[in-house]
N, C-alpha and C. Protein backbone atom coordinates (compact mmCIF):
# COMPACT_ATOMS: atom_id res chain seq x y z
N MET A 1 4.87 -46.51 -19.38
CA MET A 1 4.36 -45.55 -18.95
C MET A 1 5.07 -44.14 -18.91
N PRO A 2 4.17 -42.94 -19.38
CA PRO A 2 5.11 -41.54 -19.66
C PRO A 2 5.12 -40.97 -18.29
N GLU A 3 6.37 -40.49 -18.18
CA GLU A 3 7.14 -39.65 -17.21
C GLU A 3 6.25 -38.64 -16.57
N VAL A 4 6.02 -38.67 -15.47
CA VAL A 4 5.13 -37.70 -14.73
C VAL A 4 5.54 -36.35 -14.04
N LYS A 5 5.97 -35.38 -14.66
CA LYS A 5 6.52 -34.30 -14.27
C LYS A 5 5.59 -33.22 -13.47
N SER A 6 6.15 -32.75 -12.59
CA SER A 6 5.23 -31.84 -11.66
C SER A 6 5.52 -30.31 -12.09
N VAL A 7 4.38 -29.65 -12.23
CA VAL A 7 4.10 -28.56 -12.87
C VAL A 7 4.29 -27.68 -11.79
N ARG A 8 5.16 -26.43 -11.74
CA ARG A 8 4.85 -25.34 -10.86
C ARG A 8 4.19 -23.99 -11.35
N ALA A 9 3.35 -23.48 -10.45
CA ALA A 9 2.86 -22.34 -10.88
C ALA A 9 3.67 -21.04 -11.17
N PRO A 10 3.53 -20.16 -12.28
CA PRO A 10 4.89 -19.26 -12.57
C PRO A 10 4.64 -18.27 -11.47
N ALA A 11 5.85 -17.60 -11.12
CA ALA A 11 6.18 -16.94 -10.46
C ALA A 11 5.31 -15.58 -9.76
N GLU A 12 4.79 -15.19 -10.75
CA GLU A 12 3.65 -13.92 -10.46
C GLU A 12 2.16 -14.58 -10.06
N ALA A 13 2.19 -15.88 -10.49
CA ALA A 13 1.02 -16.32 -9.74
C ALA A 13 1.05 -16.54 -8.05
N LYS A 14 2.11 -16.55 -7.79
CA LYS A 14 2.10 -16.82 -6.01
C LYS A 14 1.73 -15.53 -5.27
N GLU A 15 0.95 -15.60 -4.44
CA GLU A 15 0.49 -14.59 -3.67
C GLU A 15 1.21 -13.70 -3.01
N GLN A 16 0.77 -12.48 -3.52
CA GLN A 16 1.61 -11.13 -3.14
C GLN A 16 1.97 -11.25 -1.39
N SER A 17 2.77 -10.74 -0.89
CA SER A 17 3.20 -10.68 0.52
C SER A 17 1.95 -9.40 1.08
N LYS A 18 1.67 -9.77 2.06
CA LYS A 18 0.43 -8.67 2.61
C LYS A 18 1.10 -8.00 3.55
N VAL A 19 0.74 -6.43 4.01
CA VAL A 19 1.23 -5.88 5.11
C VAL A 19 -0.03 -5.32 5.75
N THR A 20 -0.35 -5.48 7.25
CA THR A 20 -1.36 -4.96 7.76
C THR A 20 -0.80 -3.33 8.33
N LEU A 21 -1.76 -2.48 7.94
CA LEU A 21 -1.81 -1.24 8.52
C LEU A 21 -2.84 -0.78 9.63
N ILE A 22 -2.10 -0.24 10.84
CA ILE A 22 -3.16 -0.38 11.89
C ILE A 22 -3.10 1.23 12.08
N SER A 23 -4.55 1.77 12.26
CA SER A 23 -4.78 2.87 12.60
C SER A 23 -4.62 3.45 13.99
N MET A 24 -4.63 4.64 14.55
CA MET A 24 -4.62 4.60 16.15
C MET A 24 -5.55 4.74 16.59
N ASP A 25 -7.07 4.68 16.08
CA ASP A 25 -8.35 3.97 16.58
C ASP A 25 -8.28 2.23 16.33
N GLY A 26 -7.08 1.74 16.17
CA GLY A 26 -7.41 0.18 15.81
C GLY A 26 -7.81 -0.72 14.68
N VAL A 27 -8.20 -0.09 13.80
CA VAL A 27 -8.73 -0.43 12.53
C VAL A 27 -7.50 -0.85 11.80
N ARG A 28 -7.86 -2.03 11.42
CA ARG A 28 -6.40 -2.89 10.44
C ARG A 28 -7.12 -2.92 9.10
N ILE A 29 -5.97 -2.51 8.44
CA ILE A 29 -6.42 -2.80 6.86
C ILE A 29 -5.37 -3.35 6.33
N VAL A 30 -5.72 -4.75 5.29
CA VAL A 30 -4.49 -5.48 4.76
C VAL A 30 -4.62 -4.69 3.31
N VAL A 31 -3.03 -4.43 2.94
CA VAL A 31 -2.61 -4.25 1.60
C VAL A 31 -1.56 -5.27 1.11
N THR A 32 -1.51 -4.64 -0.35
CA THR A 32 -0.25 -6.00 -0.81
C THR A 32 1.03 -5.07 -0.52
N GLU A 33 2.24 -5.68 -0.33
CA GLU A 33 3.32 -4.96 0.11
C GLU A 33 3.82 -3.93 -1.43
N GLU A 34 3.64 -4.00 -1.96
CA GLU A 34 3.77 -3.27 -3.33
C GLU A 34 2.96 -1.86 -3.23
N GLU A 35 1.52 -2.17 -2.61
CA GLU A 35 0.90 -0.93 -2.55
C GLU A 35 1.36 -0.04 -0.99
N ALA A 36 1.72 -0.76 -0.22
CA ALA A 36 2.36 -0.37 0.64
C ALA A 36 3.65 0.71 0.60
N ARG A 37 4.20 -0.21 -0.47
CA ARG A 37 5.51 0.64 -0.81
C ARG A 37 5.35 2.11 -1.69
N VAL A 38 4.18 2.57 -1.86
CA VAL A 38 3.90 3.74 -2.08
C VAL A 38 4.56 4.75 -1.46
N SER A 39 4.41 4.29 -0.10
CA SER A 39 4.99 5.38 0.49
C SER A 39 6.28 4.90 1.14
N LYS A 40 7.13 6.01 1.00
CA LYS A 40 8.69 5.88 1.44
C LYS A 40 8.87 5.41 2.72
N ALA A 41 8.12 5.86 3.53
CA ALA A 41 8.59 5.61 5.23
C ALA A 41 7.99 4.18 5.61
N LEU A 42 6.85 3.36 4.63
CA LEU A 42 6.71 2.26 5.21
C LEU A 42 7.71 1.23 4.32
N ALA A 43 8.06 1.77 3.15
CA ALA A 43 9.23 0.97 2.51
C ALA A 43 10.35 0.84 3.24
N LEU A 44 11.00 1.91 4.07
CA LEU A 44 11.88 1.59 4.57
C LEU A 44 11.86 1.18 5.86
N MET A 45 10.33 0.84 6.42
CA MET A 45 10.43 0.16 7.36
C MET A 45 10.35 -1.20 6.98
N LEU A 46 9.90 -1.66 5.88
CA LEU A 46 9.52 -2.80 5.31
C LEU A 46 10.85 -3.26 5.05
N ASP A 47 11.99 -2.58 4.21
CA ASP A 47 13.32 -3.11 3.75
C ASP A 47 14.10 -3.54 5.17
N ASP A 48 14.10 -2.73 5.91
CA ASP A 48 15.15 -3.14 7.09
C ASP A 48 14.92 -4.16 8.14
N ASN A 49 15.13 -5.40 8.21
CA ASN A 49 14.77 -6.32 9.07
C ASN A 49 15.27 -6.25 10.57
N GLU A 50 15.68 -4.76 10.91
CA GLU A 50 16.12 -4.34 11.94
C GLU A 50 14.77 -3.64 12.72
N PHE A 51 13.94 -3.42 11.92
CA PHE A 51 12.69 -2.96 12.70
C PHE A 51 11.64 -4.42 12.78
N LYS A 52 10.87 -4.02 13.86
CA LYS A 52 10.11 -5.20 13.93
C LYS A 52 8.81 -5.18 12.58
N GLU A 53 8.63 -4.04 12.30
CA GLU A 53 7.20 -4.20 11.23
C GLU A 53 8.06 -4.89 9.78
N GLY A 54 9.37 -4.66 9.50
CA GLY A 54 9.93 -5.64 8.58
C GLY A 54 9.78 -7.13 8.64
N ARG A 55 10.09 -7.50 10.02
CA ARG A 55 9.58 -8.80 10.34
C ARG A 55 7.97 -9.62 9.93
N THR A 56 7.42 -8.70 10.86
CA THR A 56 6.14 -9.01 11.17
C THR A 56 5.06 -8.63 10.15
N LYS A 57 5.27 -7.75 9.40
CA LYS A 57 4.49 -7.27 8.15
C LYS A 57 3.39 -6.33 8.69
N GLU A 58 3.41 -5.96 9.97
CA GLU A 58 2.18 -5.26 10.61
C GLU A 58 2.88 -3.83 11.14
N ILE A 59 2.39 -2.83 10.68
CA ILE A 59 2.73 -1.44 10.66
C ILE A 59 1.52 -0.48 11.72
N SER A 60 2.05 -0.14 12.68
CA SER A 60 1.02 0.75 13.56
C SER A 60 1.35 2.21 13.27
N LEU A 61 0.26 2.73 12.79
CA LEU A 61 0.45 4.31 12.37
C LEU A 61 -0.37 4.90 13.64
N CYS A 62 0.40 5.21 14.83
CA CYS A 62 -0.43 5.78 15.86
C CYS A 62 -0.44 7.26 15.86
N VAL A 63 -0.30 7.95 14.73
CA VAL A 63 -0.90 9.46 14.52
C VAL A 63 -1.72 9.61 13.48
N VAL A 64 -2.56 8.13 12.85
CA VAL A 64 -3.15 8.41 11.65
C VAL A 64 -4.86 7.79 11.92
N ARG A 65 -5.76 8.46 11.50
CA ARG A 65 -7.30 8.07 12.05
C ARG A 65 -7.49 7.10 10.85
N ALA A 66 -8.34 6.20 11.24
CA ALA A 66 -8.84 5.27 10.29
C ALA A 66 -9.30 5.75 8.93
N GLU A 67 -10.18 7.05 9.02
CA GLU A 67 -10.77 7.70 7.97
C GLU A 67 -9.61 7.97 7.16
N MET A 68 -8.75 8.40 7.79
CA MET A 68 -7.71 9.25 6.89
C MET A 68 -6.67 7.75 6.28
N LEU A 69 -6.88 7.03 7.21
CA LEU A 69 -5.94 5.66 6.65
C LEU A 69 -6.26 5.16 5.67
N ARG A 70 -7.79 4.74 5.70
CA ARG A 70 -8.54 4.14 4.40
C ARG A 70 -8.23 5.29 3.15
N MET A 71 -8.33 6.45 3.10
CA MET A 71 -8.07 7.65 2.13
C MET A 71 -6.81 6.96 1.63
N VAL A 72 -5.40 7.25 2.22
CA VAL A 72 -4.33 7.04 2.02
C VAL A 72 -4.30 5.70 1.13
N VAL A 73 -4.72 4.40 1.65
CA VAL A 73 -4.80 3.04 0.99
C VAL A 73 -5.27 3.47 -0.19
N ASP A 74 -6.59 4.01 -0.39
CA ASP A 74 -7.60 3.96 -1.78
C ASP A 74 -6.42 4.95 -2.64
N TYR A 75 -5.32 5.59 -2.22
CA TYR A 75 -4.53 6.28 -2.95
C TYR A 75 -3.21 5.43 -3.30
N MET A 76 -3.10 4.45 -2.38
CA MET A 76 -1.78 3.51 -2.62
C MET A 76 -2.50 2.54 -3.77
N LYS A 77 -3.64 2.26 -3.68
CA LYS A 77 -4.23 1.31 -4.67
C LYS A 77 -4.45 1.86 -6.26
N TYR A 78 -4.93 3.43 -6.16
CA TYR A 78 -4.64 3.90 -7.26
C TYR A 78 -3.63 4.27 -8.14
N VAL A 79 -2.40 4.53 -7.28
CA VAL A 79 -1.08 4.77 -7.78
C VAL A 79 -0.62 3.59 -8.34
N ASN A 80 -0.74 2.62 -7.44
CA ASN A 80 0.06 1.11 -8.21
C ASN A 80 -0.58 0.78 -9.36
N LYS A 81 -2.30 0.88 -9.57
CA LYS A 81 -2.90 0.57 -10.74
C LYS A 81 -2.59 1.36 -11.70
N TYR A 82 -2.13 2.82 -11.64
CA TYR A 82 -2.06 3.22 -12.93
C TYR A 82 -0.72 3.82 -13.37
N SER A 83 0.31 3.71 -12.24
CA SER A 83 1.66 3.80 -12.75
C SER A 83 2.28 2.44 -13.29
N ARG A 84 1.72 1.99 -13.74
CA ARG A 84 2.40 0.72 -14.73
C ARG A 84 1.93 1.31 -16.08
N PHE A 85 1.45 2.06 -16.37
CA PHE A 85 1.29 2.75 -17.45
C PHE A 85 2.17 3.64 -17.90
N LYS A 86 3.06 3.71 -18.86
CA LYS A 86 3.74 4.86 -19.27
C LYS A 86 3.33 5.71 -20.16
N ASN A 87 3.60 7.01 -20.25
CA ASN A 87 2.77 8.13 -20.87
C ASN A 87 1.36 7.80 -20.85
N PHE A 88 1.29 7.84 -19.75
CA PHE A 88 -0.40 7.62 -19.63
C PHE A 88 -1.22 8.77 -19.18
N GLU A 89 -1.98 9.25 -19.52
CA GLU A 89 -2.70 10.52 -19.22
C GLU A 89 -4.34 10.64 -18.50
N LEU A 90 -4.17 10.73 -17.25
CA LEU A 90 -5.56 10.52 -16.50
C LEU A 90 -6.53 11.25 -17.14
N THR A 91 -7.94 10.94 -17.30
CA THR A 91 -8.93 11.75 -17.59
C THR A 91 -9.51 12.18 -16.15
N GLU A 92 -10.30 13.22 -16.61
CA GLU A 92 -10.90 13.97 -15.49
C GLU A 92 -11.83 12.97 -14.36
N ALA A 93 -12.27 11.81 -15.28
CA ALA A 93 -12.97 10.89 -14.26
C ALA A 93 -12.10 9.76 -13.63
N GLU A 94 -10.71 9.62 -13.78
CA GLU A 94 -10.31 8.83 -13.54
C GLU A 94 -9.09 9.61 -12.30
N ALA A 95 -9.02 10.87 -12.24
CA ALA A 95 -8.28 11.73 -11.25
C ALA A 95 -8.86 11.31 -9.74
N PHE A 96 -7.55 11.11 -8.74
CA PHE A 96 -8.12 10.86 -7.71
C PHE A 96 -8.49 12.11 -6.79
N ARG A 97 -9.68 12.03 -6.39
CA ARG A 97 -10.39 13.26 -5.85
C ARG A 97 -10.32 12.83 -4.23
N VAL A 98 -10.44 14.29 -3.77
CA VAL A 98 -10.38 14.18 -2.08
C VAL A 98 -11.04 15.38 -1.76
N ASP A 99 -11.92 15.38 -0.38
CA ASP A 99 -12.87 16.33 -0.10
C ASP A 99 -12.04 17.49 0.43
N PRO A 100 -12.00 18.50 -0.38
CA PRO A 100 -11.71 19.59 0.28
C PRO A 100 -11.73 19.83 1.56
N ALA A 101 -12.74 19.30 2.56
CA ALA A 101 -12.75 19.45 4.05
C ALA A 101 -11.46 18.85 4.81
N LYS A 102 -11.20 17.83 3.91
CA LYS A 102 -10.41 16.83 4.44
C LYS A 102 -8.98 16.61 4.04
N ALA A 103 -8.75 17.45 3.00
CA ALA A 103 -7.45 17.91 2.39
C ALA A 103 -6.03 18.27 3.12
N LEU A 104 -6.21 19.26 4.00
CA LEU A 104 -5.22 19.40 4.74
C LEU A 104 -4.76 18.17 6.06
N GLU A 105 -5.81 17.64 6.32
CA GLU A 105 -5.12 16.44 7.41
C GLU A 105 -4.46 15.27 6.18
N LEU A 106 -4.92 15.24 5.47
CA LEU A 106 -4.72 14.09 4.44
C LEU A 106 -3.20 14.58 3.81
N MET A 107 -2.88 15.84 3.88
CA MET A 107 -1.80 16.12 3.20
C MET A 107 -0.62 15.99 4.34
N GLU A 108 -1.10 16.22 5.47
CA GLU A 108 -0.16 15.99 6.77
C GLU A 108 -0.15 14.47 6.53
N VAL A 109 -1.01 13.67 6.79
CA VAL A 109 -0.85 11.91 6.75
C VAL A 109 0.22 11.92 5.54
N ALA A 110 0.04 12.28 4.46
CA ALA A 110 1.29 11.93 3.23
C ALA A 110 2.19 12.26 3.80
N ASP A 111 2.34 13.43 4.15
CA ASP A 111 3.70 14.29 4.40
C ASP A 111 4.78 12.96 5.52
N PHE A 112 3.80 12.51 6.55
CA PHE A 112 4.30 11.70 7.45
C PHE A 112 4.53 10.64 6.83
N LEU A 113 3.90 9.83 5.88
CA LEU A 113 4.18 8.57 5.19
C LEU A 113 5.39 8.91 3.75
N LYS A 114 5.84 10.11 3.86
CA LYS A 114 6.59 10.54 2.56
C LYS A 114 5.81 9.74 1.46
N MET A 115 4.79 10.25 0.69
CA MET A 115 4.22 10.02 -0.49
C MET A 115 4.20 11.04 -0.93
């Protein structure tokens, strides 16, 4: 009878670690850890086990409204998608667009998150 060997899934097939971001109004958005790391501030929290956030993978952003958090998450996903390509130039259609009426608040949030 032939020997049966167990087969393991490749490392990249493992489910990515998830992080929950919580807005000031209590909206919870789940992202991959890779997406969250687009923010240097979030990356620092996740890297340091001294921070509760690094252990629980749940980060409260008590100064960020849900609408802005959704936009930030969209940007994290956008960066994560396009940063993999070297020497890739975005076309006008692929550029990340921001409503000018929301740009100032979004810039403040991006600064807070060090993005």
